[in-house]
PDB file of N, CA and C in Angstrom:
ATOM      1  N   MET A   1      22.111 -24.564  32.492  1.00  0.00           N
ATOM      2  CA  MET A   1      23.438 -23.985  32.362  1.00  0.00           C
ATOM      3  C   MET A   1      23.642 -23.695  30.882  1.00  0.00           C
ATOM      4  N   LYS A   2      23.854 -22.457  30.569  1.00  0.00           N
ATOM      5  CA  LYS A   2      24.009 -22.087  29.171  1.00  0.00           C
ATOM      6  C   LYS A   2      25.469 -21.869  28.802  1.00  0.00           C
ATOM      7  N   SER A   3      26.329 -21.804  29.770  1.00  0.00           N
ATOM      8  CA  SER A   3      27.739 -21.546  29.504  1.00  0.00           C
ATOM      9  C   SER A   3      28.466 -22.842  29.145  1.00  0.00           C
ATOM     10  N   LYS A   4      29.057 -22.853  27.960  1.00  0.00           N
ATOM     11  CA  LYS A   4      29.824 -24.033  27.539  1.00  0.00           C
ATOM     12  C   LYS A   4      31.059 -24.207  28.428  1.00  0.00           C
ATOM     13  N   THR A   5      31.612 -23.113  28.913  1.00  0.00           N
ATOM     14  CA  THR A   5      32.779 -23.197  29.798  1.00  0.00           C
ATOM     15  C   THR A   5      32.425 -23.945  31.077  1.00  0.00           C
ATOM     16  N   ALA A   6      31.284 -23.645  31.641  1.00  0.00           N
ATOM     17  CA  ALA A   6      30.860 -24.324  32.869  1.00  0.00           C
ATOM     18  C   ALA A   6      30.617 -25.810  32.610  1.00  0.00           C
ATOM     19  N   GLN A   7      30.081 -26.148  31.438  1.00  0.00           N
ATOM     20  CA  GLN A   7      29.876 -27.551  31.097  1.00  0.00           C
ATOM     21  C   GLN A   7      31.209 -28.282  30.983  1.00  0.00           C
ATOM     22  N   TRP A   8      32.205 -27.642  30.360  1.00  0.00           N
ATOM     23  CA  TRP A   8      33.524 -28.259  30.233  1.00  0.00           C
ATOM     24  C   TRP A   8      34.197 -28.413  31.591  1.00  0.00           C
ATOM     25  N   ILE A   9      33.992 -27.452  32.476  1.00  0.00           N
ATOM     26  CA  ILE A   9      34.563 -27.552  33.824  1.00  0.00           C
ATOM     27  C   ILE A   9      33.919 -28.717  34.570  1.00  0.00           C
ATOM     28  N   LEU A  10      32.597 -28.850  34.485  1.00  0.00           N
ATOM     29  CA  LEU A  10      31.903 -29.971  35.114  1.00  0.00           C
ATOM     30  C   LEU A  10      32.400 -31.293  34.562  1.00  0.00           C
ATOM     31  N   TRP A  11      32.583 -31.375  33.255  1.00  0.00           N
ATOM     32  CA  TRP A  11      33.083 -32.596  32.619  1.00  0.00           C
ATOM     33  C   TRP A  11      34.499 -32.916  33.101  1.00  0.00           C
ATOM     34  N   ALA A  12      35.378 -31.904  33.154  1.00  0.00           N
ATOM     35  CA  ALA A  12      36.761 -32.113  33.576  1.00  0.00           C
ATOM     36  C   ALA A  12      36.836 -32.581  35.027  1.00  0.00           C
ATOM     37  N   VAL A  13      36.039 -31.979  35.890  1.00  0.00           N
ATOM     38  CA  VAL A  13      36.025 -32.382  37.298  1.00  0.00           C
ATOM     39  C   VAL A  13      35.543 -33.831  37.422  1.00  0.00           C
ATOM     40  N   ALA A  14      34.525 -34.179  36.662  1.00  0.00           N
ATOM     41  CA  ALA A  14      34.016 -35.557  36.695  1.00  0.00           C
ATOM     42  C   ALA A  14      35.083 -36.543  36.241  1.00  0.00           C
ATOM     43  N   MET A  15      35.808 -36.212  35.194  1.00  0.00           N
ATOM     44  CA  MET A  15      36.847 -37.115  34.687  1.00  0.00           C
ATOM     45  C   MET A  15      37.993 -37.271  35.689  1.00  0.00           C
ATOM     46  N   VAL A  16      38.340 -36.207  36.380  1.00  0.00           N
ATOM     47  CA  VAL A  16      39.391 -36.285  37.407  1.00  0.00           C
ATOM     48  C   VAL A  16      38.938 -37.199  38.543  1.00  0.00           C
ATOM     49  N   ILE A  17      37.681 -37.038  38.961  1.00  0.00           N
ATOM     50  CA  ILE A  17      37.146 -37.888  40.032  1.00  0.00           C
ATOM     51  C   ILE A  17      37.120 -39.348  39.597  1.00  0.00           C
ATOM     52  N   PHE A  18      36.634 -39.601  38.373  1.00  0.00           N
ATOM     53  CA  PHE A  18      36.576 -40.979  37.871  1.00  0.00           C
ATOM     54  C   PHE A  18      37.970 -41.592  37.781  1.00  0.00           C
ATOM     55  N   THR A  19      38.929 -40.835  37.292  1.00  0.00           N
ATOM     56  CA  THR A  19      40.298 -41.344  37.161  1.00  0.00           C
ATOM     57  C   THR A  19      40.902 -41.646  38.526  1.00  0.00           C
ATOM     58  N   ALA A  20      40.713 -40.739  39.475  1.00  0.00           N
ATOM     59  CA  ALA A  20      41.271 -40.947  40.813  1.00  0.00           C
ATOM     60  C   ALA A  20      40.663 -42.189  41.471  1.00  0.00           C
ATOM     61  N   LEU A  21      39.359 -42.350  41.351  1.00  0.00           N
ATOM     62  CA  LEU A  21      38.714 -43.513  41.952  1.00  0.00           C
ATOM     63  C   LEU A  21      39.124 -44.807  41.258  1.00  0.00           C
ATOM     64  N   THR A  22      39.307 -44.752  39.950  1.00  0.00           N
ATOM     65  CA  THR A  22      39.731 -45.943  39.214  1.00  0.00           C
ATOM     66  C   THR A  22      41.144 -46.348  39.602  1.00  0.00           C
ATOM     67  N   LEU A  23      42.046 -45.391  39.641  1.00  0.00           N
ATOM     68  CA  LEU A  23      43.441 -45.703  39.960  1.00  0.00           C
ATOM     69  C   LEU A  23      43.632 -46.140  41.405  1.00  0.00           C
ATOM     70  N   SER A  24      42.746 -45.682  42.291  1.00  0.00           N
ATOM     71  CA  SER A  24      42.866 -46.081  43.692  1.00  0.00           C
ATOM     72  C   SER A  24      42.122 -47.383  43.991  1.00  0.00           C
ATOM     73  N   GLY A  25      41.347 -47.865  43.020  1.00  0.00           N
ATOM     74  CA  GLY A  25      40.672 -49.147  43.188  1.00  0.00           C
ATOM     75  C   GLY A  25      39.407 -49.097  44.014  1.00  0.00           C
ATOM     76  N   HIS A  26      38.807 -47.931  44.158  1.00  0.00           N
ATOM     77  CA  HIS A  26      37.559 -47.801  44.915  1.00  0.00           C
ATOM     78  C   HIS A  26      36.382 -47.986  43.961  1.00  0.00           C
ATOM     79  N   TRP A  27      36.091 -49.242  43.634  1.00  0.00           N
ATOM     80  CA  TRP A  27      35.103 -49.541  42.602  1.00  0.00           C
ATOM     81  C   TRP A  27      33.688 -49.199  43.031  1.00  0.00           C
ATOM     82  N   ASN A  28      33.369 -49.411  44.304  1.00  0.00           N
ATOM     83  CA  ASN A  28      32.020 -49.071  44.772  1.00  0.00           C
ATOM     84  C   ASN A  28      31.790 -47.566  44.711  1.00  0.00           C
ATOM     85  N   TRP A  29      32.775 -46.796  45.147  1.00  0.00           N
ATOM     86  CA  TRP A  29      32.653 -45.345  45.085  1.00  0.00           C
ATOM     87  C   TRP A  29      32.649 -44.843  43.640  1.00  0.00           C
ATOM     88  N   LEU A  30      33.342 -45.548  42.758  1.00  0.00           N
ATOM     89  CA  LEU A  30      33.326 -45.174  41.342  1.00  0.00           C
ATOM     90  C   LEU A  30      31.918 -45.319  40.773  1.00  0.00           C
ATOM     91  N   SER A  31      31.249 -46.410  41.094  1.00  0.00           N
ATOM     92  CA  SER A  31      29.882 -46.594  40.590  1.00  0.00           C
ATOM     93  C   SER A  31      28.942 -45.540  41.157  1.00  0.00           C
ATOM     94  N   VAL A  32      29.114 -45.186  42.410  1.00  0.00           N
ATOM     95  CA  VAL A  32      28.292 -44.136  43.018  1.00  0.00           C
ATOM     96  C   VAL A  32      28.577 -42.795  42.342  1.00  0.00           C
ATOM     97  N   ALA A  33      29.842 -42.511  42.077  1.00  0.00           N
ATOM     98  CA  ALA A  33      30.219 -41.250  41.439  1.00  0.00           C
ATOM     99  C   ALA A  33      29.663 -41.167  40.021  1.00  0.00           C
ATOM    100  N   ILE A  34      29.704 -42.259  39.288  1.00  0.00           N
ATOM    101  CA  ILE A  34      29.168 -42.258  37.926  1.00  0.00           C
ATOM    102  C   ILE A  34      27.667 -41.954  37.939  1.00  0.00           C
ATOM    103  N   MET A  35      26.948 -42.583  38.850  1.00  0.00           N
ATOM    104  CA  MET A  35      25.504 -42.324  38.939  1.00  0.00           C
ATOM    105  C   MET A  35      25.222 -40.882  39.375  1.00  0.00           C
ATOM    106  N   ALA A  36      25.999 -40.376  40.333  1.00  0.00           N
ATOM    107  CA  ALA A  36      25.793 -39.009  40.803  1.00  0.00           C
ATOM    108  C   ALA A  36      26.074 -37.996  39.698  1.00  0.00           C
ATOM    109  N   VAL A  37      27.154 -38.200  38.968  1.00  0.00           N
ATOM    110  CA  VAL A  37      27.482 -37.274  37.878  1.00  0.00           C
ATOM    111  C   VAL A  37      26.431 -37.350  36.776  1.00  0.00           C
ATOM    112  N   ALA A  38      25.908 -38.530  36.506  1.00  0.00           N
ATOM    113  CA  ALA A  38      24.864 -38.666  35.488  1.00  0.00           C
ATOM    114  C   ALA A  38      23.618 -37.872  35.881  1.00  0.00           C
ATOM    115  N   VAL A  39      23.231 -37.951  37.144  1.00  0.00           N
ATOM    116  CA  VAL A  39      22.054 -37.214  37.609  1.00  0.00           C
ATOM    117  C   VAL A  39      22.321 -35.710  37.561  1.00  0.00           C
ATOM    118  N   ILE A  40      23.485 -35.292  38.009  1.00  0.00           N
ATOM    119  CA  ILE A  40      23.835 -33.863  37.984  1.00  0.00           C
ATOM    120  C   ILE A  40      23.888 -33.363  36.548  1.00  0.00           C
ATOM    121  N   TRP A  41      24.516 -34.139  35.667  1.00  0.00           N
ATOM    122  CA  TRP A  41      24.637 -33.744  34.262  1.00  0.00           C
ATOM    123  C   TRP A  41      23.243 -33.598  33.645  1.00  0.00           C
ATOM    124  N   TYR A  42      22.353 -34.544  33.905  1.00  0.00           N
ATOM    125  CA  TYR A  42      20.990 -34.497  33.367  1.00  0.00           C
ATOM    126  C   TYR A  42      20.234 -33.280  33.889  1.00  0.00           C
ATOM    127  N   ALA A  43      20.460 -32.921  35.141  1.00  0.00           N
ATOM    128  CA  ALA A  43      19.745 -31.802  35.743  1.00  0.00           C
ATOM    129  C   ALA A  43      20.316 -30.450  35.324  1.00  0.00           C
ATOM    130  N   VAL A  44      21.611 -30.388  35.068  1.00  0.00           N
ATOM    131  CA  VAL A  44      22.275 -29.105  34.852  1.00  0.00           C
ATOM    132  C   VAL A  44      22.426 -28.751  33.375  1.00  0.00           C
ATOM    133  N   VAL A  45      22.801 -29.715  32.558  1.00  0.00           N
ATOM    134  CA  VAL A  45      23.091 -29.426  31.152  1.00  0.00           C
ATOM    135  C   VAL A  45      21.790 -29.488  30.357  1.00  0.00           C
ATOM    136  N   PRO A  46      21.511 -28.469  29.549  1.00  0.00           N
ATOM    137  CA  PRO A  46      20.266 -28.460  28.782  1.00  0.00           C
ATOM    138  C   PRO A  46      20.270 -29.529  27.688  1.00  0.00           C
ATOM    139  N   LYS A  47      19.089 -29.987  27.356  1.00  0.00           N
ATOM    140  CA  LYS A  47      18.957 -30.985  26.300  1.00  0.00           C
ATOM    141  C   LYS A  47      19.241 -30.334  24.948  1.00  0.00           C
ATOM    142  N   ALA A  48      19.792 -31.114  24.031  1.00  0.00           N
ATOM    143  CA  ALA A  48      20.027 -30.627  22.680  1.00  0.00           C
ATOM    144  C   ALA A  48      18.687 -30.512  21.967  1.00  0.00           C
ATOM    145  N   SER A  49      18.548 -29.461  21.199  1.00  0.00           N
ATOM    146  CA  SER A  49      17.308 -29.291  20.455  1.00  0.00           C
ATOM    147  C   SER A  49      17.585 -29.393  18.965  1.00  0.00           C
ATOM    148  N   SER A  50      16.624 -29.901  18.261  1.00  0.00           N
ATOM    149  CA  SER A  50      16.757 -30.049  16.823  1.00  0.00           C
ATOM    150  C   SER A  50      16.665 -28.684  16.151  1.00  0.00           C
ATOM    151  N   ARG A  51      17.441 -28.506  15.103  1.00  0.00           N
ATOM    152  CA  ARG A  51      17.390 -27.229  14.370  1.00  0.00           C
ATOM    153  C   ARG A  51      16.302 -27.240  13.306  1.00  0.00           C
ATOM    154  N   GLN A  52      15.751 -28.409  13.013  1.00  0.00           N
ATOM    155  CA  GLN A  52      14.690 -28.503  12.024  1.00  0.00           C
ATOM    156  C   GLN A  52      13.353 -28.189  12.676  1.00  0.00           C
ATOM    157  N   GLN A  53      12.526 -27.473  11.953  1.00  0.00           N
ATOM    158  CA  GLN A  53      11.220 -27.133  12.505  1.00  0.00           C
ATOM    159  C   GLN A  53      10.142 -27.394  11.510  1.00  0.00           C
TER     160      GLN A  53
END
Protein backbone atom coordinates (compact mmCIF):
# COMPACT_ATOMS: atom_id res chain seq x y z
CA MET A 1 0.00 0.00 0.00
CA LYS A 2 1.65 3.18 -1.11
CA SER A 3 -1.11 5.60 -0.20
CA LYS A 4 -0.59 7.35 3.12
CA THR A 5 -4.33 8.09 3.22
CA ALA A 6 -5.15 4.39 3.12
CA GLN A 7 -2.64 3.73 5.91
CA TRP A 8 -4.25 6.42 8.08
CA ILE A 9 -7.70 4.98 7.38
CA LEU A 10 -6.50 1.50 8.40
CA TRP A 11 -4.97 2.96 11.57
CA ALA A 12 -8.16 4.91 12.43
CA VAL A 13 -10.38 1.86 11.92
CA ALA A 14 -8.07 -0.22 14.12
CA MET A 15 -8.16 2.39 16.89
CA VAL A 16 -11.97 2.55 16.78
CA ILE A 17 -12.17 -1.24 17.04
CA PHE A 18 -9.66 -1.32 19.92
CA THR A 19 -11.50 1.45 21.78
CA ALA A 20 -14.90 -0.19 21.33
CA LEU A 21 -13.63 -3.56 22.55
CA THR A 22 -11.84 -1.97 25.50
CA LEU A 23 -14.85 0.05 26.63
CA SER A 24 -17.17 -2.94 26.28
CA GLY A 25 -14.83 -5.17 28.30
CA HIS A 26 -14.32 -7.85 25.64
CA TRP A 27 -10.71 -8.56 26.57
CA ASN A 28 -10.38 -11.84 24.68
CA TRP A 29 -11.68 -10.26 21.48
CA LEU A 30 -9.38 -7.28 22.06
CA SER A 31 -6.33 -9.55 22.11
CA VAL A 32 -7.52 -11.30 18.95
CA ALA A 33 -8.11 -7.93 17.26
CA ILE A 34 -4.66 -6.66 18.21
CA MET A 35 -3.01 -9.75 16.73
CA ALA A 36 -5.15 -9.57 13.58
CA VAL A 37 -4.39 -5.90 13.01
CA ALA A 38 -0.68 -6.54 13.57
CA VAL A 39 -0.67 -9.24 10.89
CA ILE A 40 -2.69 -7.10 8.47
CA TRP A 41 -0.48 -4.06 9.14
CA TYR A 42 2.68 -6.13 8.53
CA ALA A 43 1.27 -7.52 5.29
CA VAL A 44 -0.19 -4.29 3.91
CA VAL A 45 2.07 -1.43 4.99
CA PRO A 46 5.49 -1.35 3.31
CA LYS A 47 8.62 -1.48 5.42
CA ALA A 48 10.53 1.74 5.96
CA SER A 49 13.71 1.93 3.97
CA SER A 50 16.89 3.70 4.91
CA ARG A 51 17.79 6.77 2.88
CA GLN A 52 21.51 6.09 3.30
CA GLN A 53 23.17 4.01 0.64
